Protein backbone atom coordinates (compact mmCIF):
# COMPACT_ATOMS: atom_id res chain seq x y z
CA UNK A 1 18.33 25.89 -19.92
CA UNK A 2 15.13 26.82 -17.75
CA UNK A 3 14.96 23.79 -15.64
CA UNK A 4 17.84 23.89 -13.50
CA UNK A 5 16.86 23.14 -10.22
CA UNK A 6 17.28 25.65 -7.47
CA UNK A 7 17.11 24.57 -3.97
CA UNK A 8 16.99 20.76 -4.03
CA UNK A 9 19.07 18.17 -5.71
CA UNK A 10 18.27 15.76 -8.46
CA UNK A 11 18.60 12.28 -8.21
CA UNK A 12 22.46 12.41 -9.79
CA UNK A 13 23.26 14.94 -7.63
CA UNK A 14 21.77 13.36 -4.63
CA UNK A 15 24.06 10.11 -5.73
CA UNK A 16 26.89 12.12 -5.60
CA UNK A 17 26.53 13.54 -2.27
CA UNK A 18 26.05 9.93 -1.08
CA UNK A 19 29.35 9.18 -2.87
CA UNK A 20 31.01 12.17 -1.08
CA UNK A 21 29.52 11.03 2.50
CA UNK A 22 30.68 7.65 1.93
CA UNK A 23 27.21 6.43 1.91
CA UNK A 24 27.33 4.73 -1.59
CA UNK A 25 29.06 1.38 -2.75
CA UNK A 26 29.57 1.57 -6.47
CA UNK A 27 29.65 -1.56 -8.49
CA UNK A 28 31.55 -1.32 -11.75
CA UNK A 29 31.44 -4.78 -12.90
CA UNK A 30 28.41 -6.68 -14.86
CA UNK A 31 25.76 -7.61 -12.03
CA UNK A 32 22.59 -9.55 -13.33
CA UNK A 33 19.51 -7.42 -12.57
CA UNK A 34 17.50 -10.70 -12.95
CA UNK A 35 19.09 -12.72 -10.49
CA UNK A 36 21.83 -11.16 -8.37
CA UNK A 37 21.01 -7.38 -7.89
CA UNK A 38 18.40 -7.06 -5.13
CA UNK A 39 19.51 -9.99 -3.12
CA UNK A 40 23.14 -8.54 -2.85
CA UNK A 41 21.77 -5.39 -1.49
CA UNK A 42 19.06 -7.19 0.63
CA UNK A 43 21.88 -8.81 2.85
CA UNK A 44 22.35 -5.22 4.41
CA UNK A 45 18.79 -5.96 6.25
CA UNK A 46 18.75 -9.72 6.57
CA UNK A 47 22.86 -10.10 7.34
CA UNK A 48 22.31 -8.16 10.90
CA UNK A 49 24.10 -4.97 9.69
CA UNK A 50 22.98 -2.29 11.75
CA UNK A 51 20.85 0.44 10.13
CA UNK A 52 23.72 3.20 10.44
CA UNK A 53 26.04 0.91 8.58
CA UNK A 54 23.87 0.24 5.58
CA UNK A 55 24.64 2.19 2.08
CA UNK A 56 23.26 2.90 -1.16
CA UNK A 57 24.10 0.70 -4.17
CA UNK A 58 24.95 1.84 -7.70
CA UNK A 59 25.38 -0.52 -10.42
CA UNK A 60 26.90 0.90 -13.10
CA UNK A 61 27.08 -2.21 -15.50
CA UNK A 62 23.75 -3.83 -15.74
CA UNK A 63 23.13 -7.19 -17.53
CA UNK A 64 19.96 -9.34 -17.37
CA UNK A 65 19.72 -13.32 -17.54
CA UNK A 66 19.87 -13.53 -21.23
CA UNK A 67 23.43 -11.49 -21.22
CA UNK A 68 21.73 -8.14 -22.52
CA UNK A 69 23.52 -5.00 -21.89
CA UNK A 70 21.84 -1.38 -21.29
CA UNK A 71 24.39 1.01 -22.57
CA UNK A 72 24.15 4.57 -20.64
CA UNK A 73 21.84 3.13 -18.13
CA UNK A 74 22.50 2.38 -14.21
CA UNK A 75 20.43 1.23 -11.43
CA UNK A 76 20.69 2.54 -7.86
CA UNK A 77 18.82 0.54 -4.65
CA UNK A 78 19.07 2.20 -1.41
CA UNK A 79 19.59 5.40 -2.53
CA UNK A 80 16.32 6.93 -1.02
CA UNK A 81 15.94 5.63 2.56
CA UNK A 82 18.81 2.79 2.84
CA UNK A 83 18.66 4.26 6.54
CA UNK A 84 17.64 7.36 7.88
CA UNK A 85 21.08 9.74 7.08
CA UNK A 86 20.65 8.85 3.65
CA UNK A 87 16.64 9.63 3.81
CA UNK A 88 17.73 13.21 5.59
CA UNK A 89 20.85 14.06 2.82
CA UNK A 90 17.43 13.56 0.49
CA UNK A 91 15.45 15.87 2.30
CA UNK A 92 18.77 18.22 2.56
CA UNK A 93 18.22 18.62 6.43
CA UNK A 94 19.74 16.96 9.40
CA UNK A 95 17.75 13.80 10.83
CA UNK A 96 16.26 15.55 13.96
CA UNK A 97 14.62 18.19 11.55
CA UNK A 98 12.89 16.01 9.17
CA UNK A 99 9.56 15.89 11.51
CA UNK A 100 9.11 19.67 11.58
CA UNK A 101 10.09 19.93 7.99
CA UNK A 102 7.00 17.74 7.00
CA UNK A 103 4.77 19.58 9.25
CA UNK A 104 5.76 22.76 7.83
CA UNK A 105 5.49 21.77 4.19
CA UNK A 106 2.11 20.46 4.57
CA UNK A 107 1.11 23.82 6.20
CA UNK A 108 2.83 25.86 3.64
CA UNK A 109 2.87 24.16 0.17
CA UNK A 110 4.45 25.79 -2.76
CA UNK A 111 3.07 25.69 -6.21
CA UNK A 112 5.40 24.05 -9.00
CA UNK A 113 6.73 25.81 -11.62
CA UNK A 114 5.90 24.71 -15.27
CA UNK A 115 8.96 24.80 -17.90
CA UNK A 116 9.30 23.89 -21.75
CA UNK A 117 12.18 21.73 -21.90
CA UNK A 118 13.34 19.20 -19.25
CA UNK A 119 16.11 16.60 -18.76
CA UNK A 120 13.11 13.67 -18.53
CA UNK A 121 12.34 14.51 -22.22
CA UNK A 122 16.00 14.47 -23.97
CA UNK A 123 14.88 11.14 -25.68
CA UNK A 124 11.27 10.52 -26.55
CA UNK A 125 10.11 7.05 -27.43
CA UNK A 126 6.46 6.77 -28.98
CA UNK A 127 4.67 4.53 -31.50
CA UNK A 128 6.04 1.27 -33.30
CA UNK A 129 9.50 1.87 -31.55
CA UNK A 130 8.18 1.01 -28.30
CA UNK A 131 7.62 -2.50 -29.88
CA UNK A 132 10.62 -2.53 -31.59
CA UNK A 133 13.30 -2.91 -29.06
CA UNK A 134 12.91 0.49 -27.10
CA UNK A 135 10.02 0.19 -24.74
CA UNK A 136 10.02 -0.94 -21.00
CA UNK A 137 12.26 -4.19 -22.30
CA UNK A 138 14.99 -1.84 -22.74
CA UNK A 139 14.99 -0.39 -19.30
CA UNK A 140 16.78 -2.14 -16.65
CA UNK A 141 14.22 -2.98 -14.34
CA UNK A 142 15.32 -5.39 -11.35
CA UNK A 143 13.69 -8.55 -10.34
CA UNK A 144 12.88 -7.83 -6.91
CA UNK A 145 12.66 -11.80 -5.48
CA UNK A 146 14.50 -13.99 -8.05
CA UNK A 147 12.66 -17.19 -8.31
CA UNK A 148 9.25 -15.98 -6.78
CA UNK A 149 8.31 -12.67 -8.71
CA UNK A 150 6.74 -13.22 -12.01
CA UNK A 151 8.70 -10.50 -13.86
CA UNK A 152 10.92 -7.04 -13.06
CA UNK A 153 8.86 -4.57 -11.00
CA UNK A 154 8.66 -0.86 -10.55
CA UNK A 155 9.23 -0.44 -7.04
CA UNK A 156 10.38 3.06 -6.75
CA UNK A 157 7.88 4.63 -9.23
CA UNK A 158 5.95 7.41 -8.53
CA UNK A 159 2.65 7.22 -10.60
CA UNK A 160 0.82 10.44 -11.34
CA UNK A 161 -2.93 10.90 -11.92
CA UNK A 162 -5.44 13.75 -12.39
CA UNK A 163 -8.91 13.75 -10.64
CA UNK A 164 -11.36 14.44 -13.62
CA UNK A 165 -13.52 16.51 -11.49
CA UNK A 166 -11.03 18.87 -9.66
CA UNK A 167 -8.03 18.82 -12.05
CA UNK A 168 -5.75 18.38 -9.18
CA UNK A 169 -3.05 15.66 -9.69
CA UNK A 170 -1.58 12.87 -7.27
CA UNK A 171 1.60 11.03 -6.89
CA UNK A 172 1.45 7.77 -5.19
CA UNK A 173 4.07 5.24 -4.96
CA UNK A 174 2.45 2.08 -6.29
CA UNK A 175 4.42 -1.45 -7.89
CA UNK A 176 4.60 -1.92 -11.60
CA UNK A 177 4.52 -5.39 -12.61
CA UNK A 178 6.02 -5.27 -16.30
CA UNK A 179 4.20 -7.37 -18.88
CA UNK A 180 5.31 -6.61 -22.24
CA UNK A 181 6.87 -3.79 -23.97
CA UNK A 182 4.33 -1.61 -23.66
CA UNK A 183 1.99 -2.59 -20.74
CA UNK A 184 2.09 -3.02 -16.92
CA UNK A 185 0.15 -4.26 -14.28
CA UNK A 186 -0.38 -1.67 -11.36
CA UNK A 187 -1.25 -2.66 -7.78
CA UNK A 188 -2.79 1.23 -6.48
CA UNK A 189 -3.73 0.10 -3.17
CA UNK A 190 -7.67 0.23 -3.93
CA UNK A 191 -8.12 -1.08 -0.11
CA UNK A 192 -6.39 2.19 1.62
CA UNK A 193 -8.41 4.55 -0.70
CA UNK A 194 -4.60 5.49 -2.52
CA UNK A 195 -5.43 8.78 -4.57
CA UNK A 196 -4.72 6.94 -7.94
CA UNK A 197 -7.32 4.24 -6.93
CA UNK A 198 -9.83 7.10 -6.30
CA UNK A 199 -9.15 8.54 -9.42
CA UNK A 200 -9.55 5.50 -11.60
CA UNK A 201 -12.78 5.03 -9.79
CA UNK A 202 -14.01 8.41 -11.10
CA UNK A 203 -12.84 7.65 -14.93
CA UNK A 204 -14.80 4.32 -14.69
CA UNK A 205 -17.89 6.51 -13.77
CA UNK A 206 -16.97 8.44 -16.76
CA UNK A 207 -16.38 5.67 -18.98
CA UNK A 208 -13.03 6.73 -19.85
CA UNK A 209 -9.41 5.09 -19.63
CA UNK A 210 -7.12 7.16 -16.97
CA UNK A 211 -4.13 8.97 -18.26
CA UNK A 212 -1.12 8.07 -16.11
CA UNK A 213 2.80 8.47 -15.89
CA UNK A 214 5.03 6.46 -14.15
CA UNK A 215 8.21 8.48 -12.68
CA UNK A 216 11.25 6.74 -12.38
CA UNK A 217 14.33 8.43 -10.45
CA UNK A 218 12.19 11.70 -9.54
CA UNK A 219 14.33 14.26 -7.08
CA UNK A 220 14.45 12.50 -3.94
CA UNK A 221 12.52 15.44 -1.98
CA UNK A 222 9.72 14.79 -4.68
CA UNK A 223 10.01 10.69 -4.27
CA UNK A 224 9.69 11.18 -0.70
CA UNK A 225 6.16 12.75 -0.93
CA UNK A 226 4.73 9.36 -2.81
CA UNK A 227 4.54 7.25 0.28
CA UNK A 228 3.55 9.88 2.74
CA UNK A 229 -0.28 9.73 3.91
CA UNK A 230 -1.71 13.36 2.53
CA UNK A 231 -5.09 14.67 1.74
CA UNK A 232 -6.85 13.12 -1.36
CA UNK A 233 -7.08 16.70 -2.63
CA UNK A 234 -3.61 17.67 -2.18
CA UNK A 235 -1.16 17.98 -4.95
CA UNK A 236 2.26 16.37 -3.68
CA UNK A 237 4.23 18.19 -5.81
CA UNK A 238 3.24 21.55 -3.69
CA UNK A 239 4.06 19.65 -0.75
CA UNK A 240 7.65 18.65 -2.29
CA UNK A 241 8.07 22.28 -3.20
CA UNK A 242 7.31 23.35 0.52
CA UNK A 243 9.89 20.82 1.52
CA UNK A 244 12.32 22.27 -0.95
CA UNK A 245 11.49 25.96 -0.03
CA UNK A 246 10.88 26.56 -3.54
CA UNK A 247 8.90 25.66 -6.64
CA UNK A 248 9.38 22.18 -8.10
CA UNK A 249 10.16 22.36 -11.72
CA UNK A 250 7.50 20.26 -13.93
CA UNK A 251 6.97 19.69 -17.74
CA UNK A 252 3.85 18.45 -19.64
CA UNK A 253 3.93 15.02 -20.83
CA UNK A 254 4.35 14.19 -24.54
CA UNK A 255 1.21 12.18 -24.91
CA UNK A 256 -0.92 12.69 -21.86
CA UNK A 257 -2.42 15.72 -20.12
CA UNK A 258 -0.33 15.33 -17.29
CA UNK A 259 2.56 17.20 -15.65
CA UNK A 260 5.65 15.53 -14.28
CA UNK A 261 8.99 16.53 -12.35
CA UNK A 262 11.29 18.15 -15.10
CA UNK A 263 14.43 16.60 -13.57
CA UNK A 264 13.41 12.97 -13.45
CA UNK A 265 15.30 10.24 -15.02
CA UNK A 266 12.65 8.29 -16.70
CA UNK A 267 8.78 9.09 -17.39
CA UNK A 268 6.55 6.16 -18.75
CA UNK A 269 3.42 7.90 -20.14
CA UNK A 270 0.06 5.61 -20.81
CA UNK A 271 -3.29 5.26 -19.71
CA UNK A 272 -4.95 2.86 -17.51
CA UNK A 273 -8.36 0.78 -19.06
CA UNK A 274 -11.36 1.39 -16.75
CA UNK A 275 -13.17 -1.77 -18.50
CA UNK A 276 -11.24 -4.54 -17.64
CA UNK A 277 -8.39 -5.71 -15.04
CA UNK A 278 -5.32 -8.19 -15.65
CA UNK A 279 -3.63 -10.55 -13.25
CA UNK A 280 -0.59 -9.03 -11.34
CA UNK A 281 1.82 -10.56 -8.62
CA UNK A 282 2.72 -12.76 -6.96
CA UNK A 283 5.00 -10.27 -5.44
CA UNK A 284 6.82 -10.34 -1.62
CA UNK A 285 4.93 -8.51 1.15
CA UNK A 286 6.16 -6.96 4.38
CA UNK A 287 5.72 -9.91 6.82
CA UNK A 288 7.70 -12.16 4.61
CA UNK A 289 5.47 -14.15 2.37
CA UNK A 290 4.41 -14.00 -1.34
CA UNK A 291 1.10 -12.36 -1.89
CA UNK A 292 -0.69 -14.35 -4.36
CA UNK A 293 -1.64 -13.25 -7.88
CA UNK A 294 -4.67 -10.55 -7.92
CA UNK A 295 -6.38 -8.68 -10.44
CA UNK A 296 -5.21 -5.23 -10.61
CA UNK A 297 -4.98 -2.26 -13.33
CA UNK A 298 -3.60 -2.58 -16.88
CA UNK A 299 -1.68 0.42 -18.06
CA UNK A 300 -1.05 0.64 -21.92
CA UNK A 301 2.27 2.69 -22.57
CA UNK A 302 2.43 5.81 -24.85
CA UNK A 303 5.41 7.08 -24.89
CA UNK A 304 8.60 6.61 -22.76
CA UNK A 305 10.86 9.76 -22.30
CA UNK A 306 14.38 9.92 -20.64
CA UNK A 307 17.44 11.44 -20.22
CA UNK A 308 19.95 10.72 -22.48
CA UNK A 309 22.04 8.86 -19.66
CA UNK A 310 19.90 8.06 -16.93
CA UNK A 311 19.48 5.59 -13.77
CA UNK A 312 16.80 3.73 -12.23
CA UNK A 313 16.08 3.92 -9.09
CA UNK A 314 14.65 0.73 -7.07
CA UNK A 315 13.78 0.33 -3.76
CA UNK A 316 14.26 -2.69 -1.45
CA UNK A 317 10.78 -3.56 -0.22
CA UNK A 318 8.86 -6.57 0.87
CA UNK A 319 9.85 -8.11 4.49
CA UNK A 320 10.37 -5.61 7.00
CA UNK A 321 12.93 -3.96 7.83
CA UNK A 322 13.54 -2.97 4.60
CA UNK A 323 14.20 0.62 2.53
CA UNK A 324 10.49 0.63 2.06
CA UNK A 325 9.76 0.75 5.81
CA UNK A 326 12.13 3.22 6.69
CA UNK A 327 10.91 5.60 3.76
CA UNK A 328 7.63 5.23 5.58
CA UNK A 329 8.82 5.32 9.22
CA UNK A 330 10.74 8.52 8.70
CA UNK A 331 7.52 10.16 7.30
CA UNK A 332 4.74 9.02 9.37
CA UNK A 333 6.13 9.22 12.85
CA UNK A 334 5.84 12.90 13.01
CA UNK A 335 2.42 12.91 11.51
CA UNK A 336 1.13 10.44 13.85
CA UNK A 337 2.77 12.46 16.60
CA UNK A 338 0.95 15.96 15.53
CA UNK A 339 -2.34 14.12 15.35
CA UNK A 340 -2.02 12.79 18.76
CA UNK A 341 -0.71 16.24 20.18
CA UNK A 342 -2.12 18.64 18.37
CA UNK A 343 -5.24 17.43 16.66
CA UNK A 344 -6.53 15.29 19.36
CA UNK A 345 -5.09 17.32 21.87
CA UNK A 346 -3.07 14.35 23.74
CA UNK A 347 -0.28 16.94 25.34
CA UNK A 348 1.61 14.11 27.26
CA UNK A 349 2.68 12.24 23.80
CA UNK A 350 6.21 13.12 23.22
CA UNK A 351 7.10 10.46 20.72
CA UNK A 352 5.52 8.06 18.39
CA UNK A 353 7.84 4.98 17.11
CA UNK A 354 6.73 2.47 14.72
CA UNK A 355 8.17 -1.16 14.96
CA UNK A 356 9.47 -2.45 11.83
CA UNK A 357 10.69 -5.94 11.85
CA UNK A 358 7.66 -8.24 10.47
CA UNK A 359 4.74 -5.95 11.21
CA UNK A 360 4.58 -3.47 8.32
CA UNK A 361 5.22 -0.60 10.83
CA UNK A 362 1.31 0.20 11.35
CA UNK A 363 0.81 -3.21 13.51
CA UNK A 364 2.83 -2.42 16.45
CA UNK A 365 3.60 1.18 17.85
CA UNK A 366 4.94 2.59 20.96
CA UNK A 367 4.17 5.85 22.33
CA UNK A 368 6.10 7.71 25.00
CA UNK A 369 4.53 9.76 27.58
CA UNK A 370 5.92 12.47 29.67
CA UNK A 371 5.53 12.12 33.62
CA UNK A 372 2.33 13.70 34.47
């Protein structure tokens, strides 16, 4: 098949690497995704376990609050950035080489490779089947904060959108509140000029819905570009290629004019309305409180494509430190250092360290300065 990756691991190969390195707990008994799963993994962050001792969790027998099972599906939590070493293995680099790898990849992006067949499209579900037990409700998406969240959430989904003026695609890591078998409420961080929200504004001016695709279980080297801060006119998939040192395989969606990572586990295709919003939340935030319900974007699903057997990637987010803060901290620190040292010409700065506990990283930063 012409989609075989070369130069980077898909999510399955990454999980195998974590297992081989002793960084994966494999849980083979039934675990309720709605009440037990995220709290179990969250103990690593709230229970005083040192970062280096945290591991990824793979749940192979997923159930929900009603006792439903999900044959052929697994859920992995902590597998992207449970700690820095897990992140480094996803980057296929030593920890001390991560910063320079980001700088090199941003400076030397590599265009993706288009393929006609892909693992993420082994199963294609469209039309009435989406509302007949094969839609979003058939995916084992966990509840992040049982007793507080209103529904399961995509926490590690990469959202693909395209600028209607330039045609350049964007990959952003945004949360998605499952509303129905064919509907998701998406929070695209409008206040921080996220790429997806900028595109939405352009489609709104055109009076058109915005085509989107949510990527679940992307190859880690692709997934890491989602939370990274890159220019709005930069296609993140090209930076992922720079990280991998080779083109990333992409395939065209079945119902939308978008291209997605071919080796992903699941793709949820659809469009976001630009003439209406709908309530989303509440959801836990990085400072330890539950954000109130607010109006956000509404996505209607047009297709779900996936592997025959697949693994949903989910991350521990909300109060820091958490997996979400690790994935950002490792990515942001080298960029902040390069900005101070190379762009602002403050040559004495030797290190930038972002504080995690209860600060959402960007509130408190430590600078190491060389003695003059």
